[in-house]
Amino acid sequence: MRILGAIARHPSGRIGAAIIAVYLLAAVLGAFGITPHDPLQQFRIDRLHAPSTTYWMGTDLLGRDATSRLMRGIGQSFVIAFASVAIATAAGTVIGLLAAWWGNLWDGILMRVMDVLLAFPAILLALLIIAIVGPGTFTSVAAIGIVYTPIFARVVRGPALSLKQRDFVDAARTFGSSQTFILTRHLLLNLVAPLTVQVTLALAWALLTEAGLSFLGLGTQPPSPSLGLMLSESRNLMERAPWLMLFPALVIMLGILGFNLTGDALRDILDPRTQGRAA
């Protein structure tokens, strides 16, 4: 609650949190079917209908309501983004902690593997994984999770190397604490702040990567709507129905902006060196 209050008082955090809250509300409403129309229903007589009081964001080439599809697409994109970042956070944290704790040979092996993954641009590595396994929602989650695992491993390893040299870790060893207890109770708890900031920023990257994969036809498959897929379906209609590309693009842009603003606010709030400026 203290962090939520601090975010509400932070200028950029307030804006970012408001954007995310609106998106989450739209995603929940879309998941429960509380939309202006059925996202999959085709009103063929109203194909490519311009935005109006009946169709707030117009209709697509098949006569489907763009507003309803955007609400469902936000939920789909958010599920993929959150699930993939959860995988990356868990895997990267474990790898970073073990590399720092074991050191020497294991540190070198684990970090060199992470360096190989980091050498590839995120979207290209995700494309490679999906090309091997095949397109789909679950494949997108796994691919994006693998792509961003090295970032979390790096974020965790550096501070963990410093923390394991601290006196309280030596004291825990002296008192016979297990390796698991030290890693979770003494190291991991002291890494919550940088991990929280990294998770927020990674959600923005994951949202963009998911949109890119769906745009290329390798993410969410039709007829299920997603933000990138809606962009892909409307790319040949820019001159005839520009709203079909404008609204999904704005939604993606504002979603990334919301996560970035929230991440910047969390960085100021959780970093003791900038808490005075954040206040």
Protein backbone atom coordinates (compact mmCIF):
# COMPACT_ATOMS: atom_id res chain seq x y z
CA MET A 1 0.00 0.00 0.00
CA ARG A 2 2.88 2.35 0.75
CA ILE A 3 4.29 1.82 -2.75
CA LEU A 4 0.86 2.34 -4.33
CA GLY A 5 0.52 5.60 -2.43
CA ALA A 6 3.98 6.69 -3.54
CA ILE A 7 3.13 5.89 -7.16
CA ALA A 8 -0.07 7.93 -6.85
CA ARG A 9 1.98 10.91 -5.63
CA HIS A 10 4.66 10.53 -8.33
CA PRO A 11 3.87 12.66 -11.45
CA SER A 12 4.74 10.07 -14.09
CA GLY A 13 3.72 7.15 -11.89
CA ARG A 14 0.23 8.59 -11.53
CA ILE A 15 -0.20 8.76 -15.30
CA GLY A 16 1.32 5.33 -15.93
CA ALA A 17 -0.76 3.63 -13.25
CA ALA A 18 -3.94 5.26 -14.59
CA ILE A 19 -3.21 3.96 -18.10
CA ILE A 20 -2.53 0.43 -16.82
CA ALA A 21 -5.69 0.51 -14.67
CA VAL A 22 -7.82 1.47 -17.68
CA TYR A 23 -6.25 -1.29 -19.76
CA LEU A 24 -6.78 -3.89 -17.04
CA LEU A 25 -10.41 -2.82 -16.73
CA ALA A 26 -10.89 -3.15 -20.50
CA ALA A 27 -9.19 -6.57 -20.43
CA VAL A 28 -11.42 -7.82 -17.60
CA LEU A 29 -14.58 -6.54 -19.30
CA GLY A 30 -13.52 -8.14 -22.57
CA ALA A 31 -12.73 -11.46 -20.87
CA PHE A 32 -16.22 -11.59 -19.32
CA GLY A 33 -17.89 -10.62 -22.59
CA ILE A 34 -18.97 -7.17 -21.39
CA THR A 35 -18.34 -5.47 -24.74
CA PRO A 36 -20.52 -3.33 -27.04
CA HIS A 37 -20.81 -6.27 -29.46
CA ASP A 38 -19.58 -9.82 -29.86
CA PRO A 39 -15.92 -9.49 -31.00
CA LEU A 40 -16.40 -12.35 -33.47
CA GLN A 41 -19.86 -11.41 -34.79
CA GLN A 42 -19.89 -10.19 -38.39
CA PHE A 43 -22.22 -7.38 -39.39
CA ARG A 44 -21.70 -7.76 -43.12
CA ILE A 45 -24.02 -4.90 -44.01
CA ASP A 46 -21.82 -2.56 -41.92
CA ARG A 47 -18.41 -3.58 -43.26
CA LEU A 48 -15.75 -0.85 -42.94
CA HIS A 49 -18.22 1.34 -41.09
CA ALA A 50 -16.59 4.56 -39.85
CA PRO A 51 -16.54 5.33 -36.09
CA SER A 52 -20.02 6.23 -34.88
CA THR A 53 -22.29 5.99 -31.86
CA THR A 54 -23.11 2.40 -32.83
CA TYR A 55 -19.54 1.33 -33.58
CA TRP A 56 -17.28 3.56 -31.47
CA MET A 57 -14.12 2.65 -33.37
CA GLY A 58 -15.73 1.49 -36.59
CA THR A 59 -15.85 -2.00 -38.07
CA ASP A 60 -13.34 -4.07 -40.01
CA LEU A 61 -13.50 -5.71 -43.44
CA LEU A 62 -15.73 -8.50 -42.10
CA GLY A 63 -18.05 -6.14 -40.25
CA ARG A 64 -16.71 -6.96 -36.76
CA ASP A 65 -16.85 -4.22 -34.12
CA ALA A 66 -13.34 -2.79 -33.64
CA THR A 67 -14.00 -1.59 -30.08
CA SER A 68 -15.05 -5.05 -28.89
CA ARG A 69 -12.10 -6.66 -30.65
CA LEU A 70 -9.72 -4.14 -29.08
CA MET A 71 -11.06 -4.90 -25.61
CA ARG A 72 -10.61 -8.64 -26.17
CA GLY A 73 -7.24 -8.03 -27.86
CA ILE A 74 -5.93 -6.03 -24.90
CA GLY A 75 -6.75 -8.96 -22.63
CA GLN A 76 -5.06 -11.43 -24.99
CA SER A 77 -1.93 -9.30 -25.33
CA PHE A 78 -1.76 -8.65 -21.58
CA VAL A 79 -2.09 -12.35 -20.74
CA ILE A 80 0.82 -13.17 -23.05
CA ALA A 81 2.91 -10.27 -21.73
CA PHE A 82 2.33 -11.08 -18.05
CA ALA A 83 2.80 -14.84 -18.51
CA SER A 84 6.03 -14.46 -20.50
CA VAL A 85 7.48 -11.93 -18.05
CA ALA A 86 6.58 -14.25 -15.16
CA ILE A 87 8.53 -17.05 -16.86
CA ALA A 88 11.49 -14.76 -17.58
CA THR A 89 11.49 -13.42 -14.01
CA ALA A 90 11.43 -16.86 -12.42
CA ALA A 91 14.03 -18.42 -14.73
CA GLY A 92 16.31 -15.37 -14.81
CA THR A 93 16.22 -14.95 -11.03
CA VAL A 94 17.15 -18.59 -10.41
CA ILE A 95 19.96 -18.50 -12.98
CA GLY A 96 21.33 -15.18 -11.69
CA LEU A 97 21.25 -16.28 -8.04
CA LEU A 98 22.91 -19.63 -8.72
CA ALA A 99 25.57 -18.08 -10.95
CA ALA A 100 26.45 -15.54 -8.27
CA TRP A 101 26.34 -18.04 -5.41
CA TRP A 102 28.26 -20.89 -7.05
CA GLY A 103 30.73 -18.62 -8.88
CA ASN A 104 33.81 -19.85 -10.74
CA LEU A 105 33.05 -22.44 -13.44
CA TRP A 106 29.27 -22.46 -13.03
CA ASP A 107 29.13 -18.68 -13.13
CA GLY A 108 31.11 -18.67 -16.36
CA ILE A 109 28.98 -21.35 -18.02
CA LEU A 110 25.61 -19.89 -17.05
CA MET A 111 26.53 -16.33 -17.94
CA ARG A 112 28.07 -17.27 -21.28
CA VAL A 113 24.83 -19.01 -22.22
CA MET A 114 22.97 -15.84 -21.24
CA ASP A 115 25.42 -13.78 -23.32
CA VAL A 116 24.70 -15.93 -26.38
CA LEU A 117 20.96 -15.31 -25.97
CA LEU A 118 21.56 -11.59 -25.44
CA ALA A 119 23.58 -11.42 -28.67
CA PHE A 120 20.38 -11.91 -30.69
CA PRO A 121 17.86 -9.09 -31.09
CA ALA A 122 14.76 -9.98 -29.08
CA ILE A 123 12.35 -10.21 -32.00
CA LEU A 124 14.76 -12.31 -34.10
CA LEU A 125 15.36 -14.81 -31.29
CA ALA A 126 11.61 -15.08 -30.70
CA LEU A 127 11.09 -15.64 -34.44
CA LEU A 128 13.71 -18.40 -34.41
CA ILE A 129 12.05 -20.20 -31.51
CA ILE A 130 8.58 -19.93 -33.06
CA ALA A 131 9.91 -21.07 -36.45
CA ILE A 132 11.20 -24.25 -34.77
CA VAL A 133 8.17 -24.97 -32.56
CA GLY A 134 5.35 -23.39 -34.55
CA PRO A 135 3.09 -20.33 -34.10
CA GLY A 136 0.47 -19.95 -31.38
CA THR A 137 -0.31 -18.28 -28.09
CA PHE A 138 1.56 -20.72 -25.85
CA THR A 139 4.56 -20.68 -28.17
CA SER A 140 4.61 -16.87 -28.02
CA VAL A 141 4.59 -16.97 -24.21
CA ALA A 142 7.49 -19.43 -24.12
CA ALA A 143 9.49 -17.60 -26.80
CA ILE A 144 9.14 -14.17 -25.19
CA GLY A 145 9.92 -15.68 -21.79
CA ILE A 146 13.15 -17.23 -23.09
CA VAL A 147 14.12 -14.03 -24.88
CA TYR A 148 13.95 -11.89 -21.72
CA THR A 149 15.37 -14.43 -19.26
CA PRO A 150 19.01 -13.25 -19.76
CA ILE A 151 18.06 -9.68 -18.82
CA PHE A 152 16.69 -10.80 -15.46
CA ALA A 153 19.69 -13.07 -14.93
CA ARG A 154 22.01 -10.09 -15.40
CA VAL A 155 19.90 -7.85 -13.17
CA VAL A 156 20.03 -10.43 -10.35
CA ARG A 157 23.61 -11.65 -10.68
CA GLY A 158 25.37 -8.30 -10.23
CA PRO A 159 23.78 -7.29 -6.90
CA ALA A 160 23.85 -10.91 -5.69
CA LEU A 161 27.64 -11.04 -6.13
CA SER A 162 27.91 -8.04 -3.84
CA LEU A 163 25.34 -9.26 -1.34
CA LYS A 164 26.96 -12.66 -0.80
CA GLN A 165 30.08 -10.90 0.51
CA ARG A 166 28.11 -9.01 3.18
CA ASP A 167 28.48 -9.74 6.88
CA PHE A 168 24.90 -10.91 7.36
CA VAL A 169 25.45 -13.68 4.80
CA ASP A 170 28.65 -14.77 6.60
CA ALA A 171 26.71 -14.75 9.88
CA ALA A 172 23.99 -16.93 8.36
CA ARG A 173 26.62 -19.41 7.19
CA THR A 174 28.19 -19.44 10.65
CA PHE A 175 24.86 -20.28 12.26
CA GLY A 176 24.40 -23.21 9.86
CA SER A 177 21.67 -21.79 7.63
CA SER A 178 21.01 -23.84 4.53
CA GLN A 179 21.94 -22.62 1.05
CA THR A 180 18.26 -22.36 0.10
CA PHE A 181 17.48 -20.26 3.16
CA ILE A 182 20.35 -17.86 2.47
CA LEU A 183 19.45 -17.51 -1.21
CA THR A 184 15.77 -16.82 -0.55
CA ARG A 185 15.83 -15.03 2.80
CA HIS A 186 18.99 -12.97 2.54
CA LEU A 187 19.74 -12.52 -1.15
CA LEU A 188 16.38 -12.65 -2.93
CA LEU A 189 14.56 -10.37 -0.47
CA ASN A 190 17.23 -7.72 -1.00
CA LEU A 191 16.70 -7.92 -4.77
CA VAL A 192 12.97 -7.23 -4.73
CA ALA A 193 13.40 -3.53 -5.57
CA PRO A 194 15.45 -3.90 -8.79
CA LEU A 195 13.36 -6.90 -9.84
CA THR A 196 10.13 -4.95 -9.42
CA VAL A 197 11.39 -2.15 -11.65
CA GLN A 198 12.70 -4.62 -14.22
CA VAL A 199 9.39 -6.50 -14.32
CA THR A 200 7.50 -3.30 -15.07
CA LEU A 201 9.85 -2.34 -17.89
CA ALA A 202 9.90 -5.89 -19.26
CA LEU A 203 6.11 -5.85 -19.53
CA ALA A 204 6.41 -2.95 -21.98
CA TRP A 205 8.96 -4.86 -24.08
CA ALA A 206 6.88 -8.04 -23.96
CA LEU A 207 3.78 -6.16 -25.09
CA LEU A 208 5.68 -4.75 -28.06
CA THR A 209 7.27 -8.11 -28.92
CA GLU A 210 3.91 -9.89 -28.76
CA ALA A 211 2.40 -7.27 -31.06
CA GLY A 212 5.28 -7.75 -33.49
CA LEU A 213 4.89 -11.53 -33.53
CA SER A 214 1.13 -11.33 -34.03
CA PHE A 215 1.61 -8.74 -36.79
CA LEU A 216 3.82 -11.25 -38.61
CA GLY A 217 1.21 -13.99 -38.14
CA LEU A 218 3.31 -15.98 -35.65
CA GLY A 219 1.53 -15.06 -32.43
CA THR A 220 -2.18 -15.17 -31.69
CA GLN A 221 -4.01 -16.88 -34.52
CA PRO A 222 -7.33 -15.78 -36.07
CA PRO A 223 -10.16 -15.47 -35.27
CA SER A 224 -8.96 -14.57 -31.75
CA PRO A 225 -8.16 -10.86 -31.72
CA SER A 226 -4.88 -9.35 -30.54
CA LEU A 227 -3.40 -5.90 -31.00
CA GLY A 228 -0.69 -6.95 -33.44
CA LEU A 229 -3.07 -9.14 -35.43
CA MET A 230 -5.53 -6.25 -35.78
CA LEU A 231 -2.72 -4.11 -37.17
CA SER A 232 -1.78 -6.83 -39.61
CA GLU A 233 -5.35 -7.28 -40.83
CA SER A 234 -5.75 -3.54 -41.45
CA ARG A 235 -2.43 -2.78 -43.16
CA ASN A 236 -3.94 -3.02 -46.64
CA LEU A 237 -6.84 -0.74 -45.69
CA MET A 238 -4.94 2.30 -44.44
CA GLU A 239 -6.29 4.64 -47.11
CA ARG A 240 -9.83 3.27 -47.13
CA ALA A 241 -10.31 2.74 -43.37
CA PRO A 242 -7.43 4.39 -41.47
CA TRP A 243 -9.18 3.98 -38.10
CA LEU A 244 -8.59 0.22 -38.22
CA MET A 245 -4.84 0.78 -37.92
CA LEU A 246 -4.94 4.00 -35.89
CA PHE A 247 -6.74 2.67 -32.82
CA PRO A 248 -4.69 -0.53 -32.30
CA ALA A 249 -1.47 1.42 -32.83
CA LEU A 250 -2.53 4.01 -30.23
CA VAL A 251 -3.48 1.28 -27.79
CA ILE A 252 -0.07 -0.40 -28.16
CA MET A 253 1.75 2.92 -27.83
CA LEU A 254 -0.17 4.02 -24.73
CA GLY A 255 0.22 0.58 -23.12
CA ILE A 256 4.00 0.70 -23.54
CA LEU A 257 4.02 4.29 -22.28
CA GLY A 258 2.01 3.29 -19.20
CA PHE A 259 4.41 0.51 -18.21
CA ASN A 260 7.48 2.68 -18.86
CA LEU A 261 6.13 5.58 -16.79
CA THR A 262 5.26 3.22 -13.94
CA GLY A 263 8.70 1.62 -14.14
CA ASP A 264 10.43 5.01 -14.00
CA ALA A 265 8.31 5.95 -10.98
CA LEU A 266 9.14 2.70 -9.19
CA ARG A 267 12.83 3.25 -9.87
CA ASP A 268 12.66 6.66 -8.21
CA ILE A 269 10.59 5.38 -5.30
CA LEU A 270 12.66 2.27 -4.55
CA ASP A 271 16.09 3.82 -5.09
CA PRO A 272 17.26 5.54 -1.85
CA ARG A 273 19.47 7.90 -3.86
CA THR A 274 16.46 9.38 -5.68
CA GLN A 275 13.76 9.18 -3.04
CA GLY A 276 14.32 12.80 -2.12
CA ARG A 277 13.77 13.94 -5.71
CA ALA A 278 10.71 11.67 -6.09
CA ALA A 279 9.15 13.19 -3.00
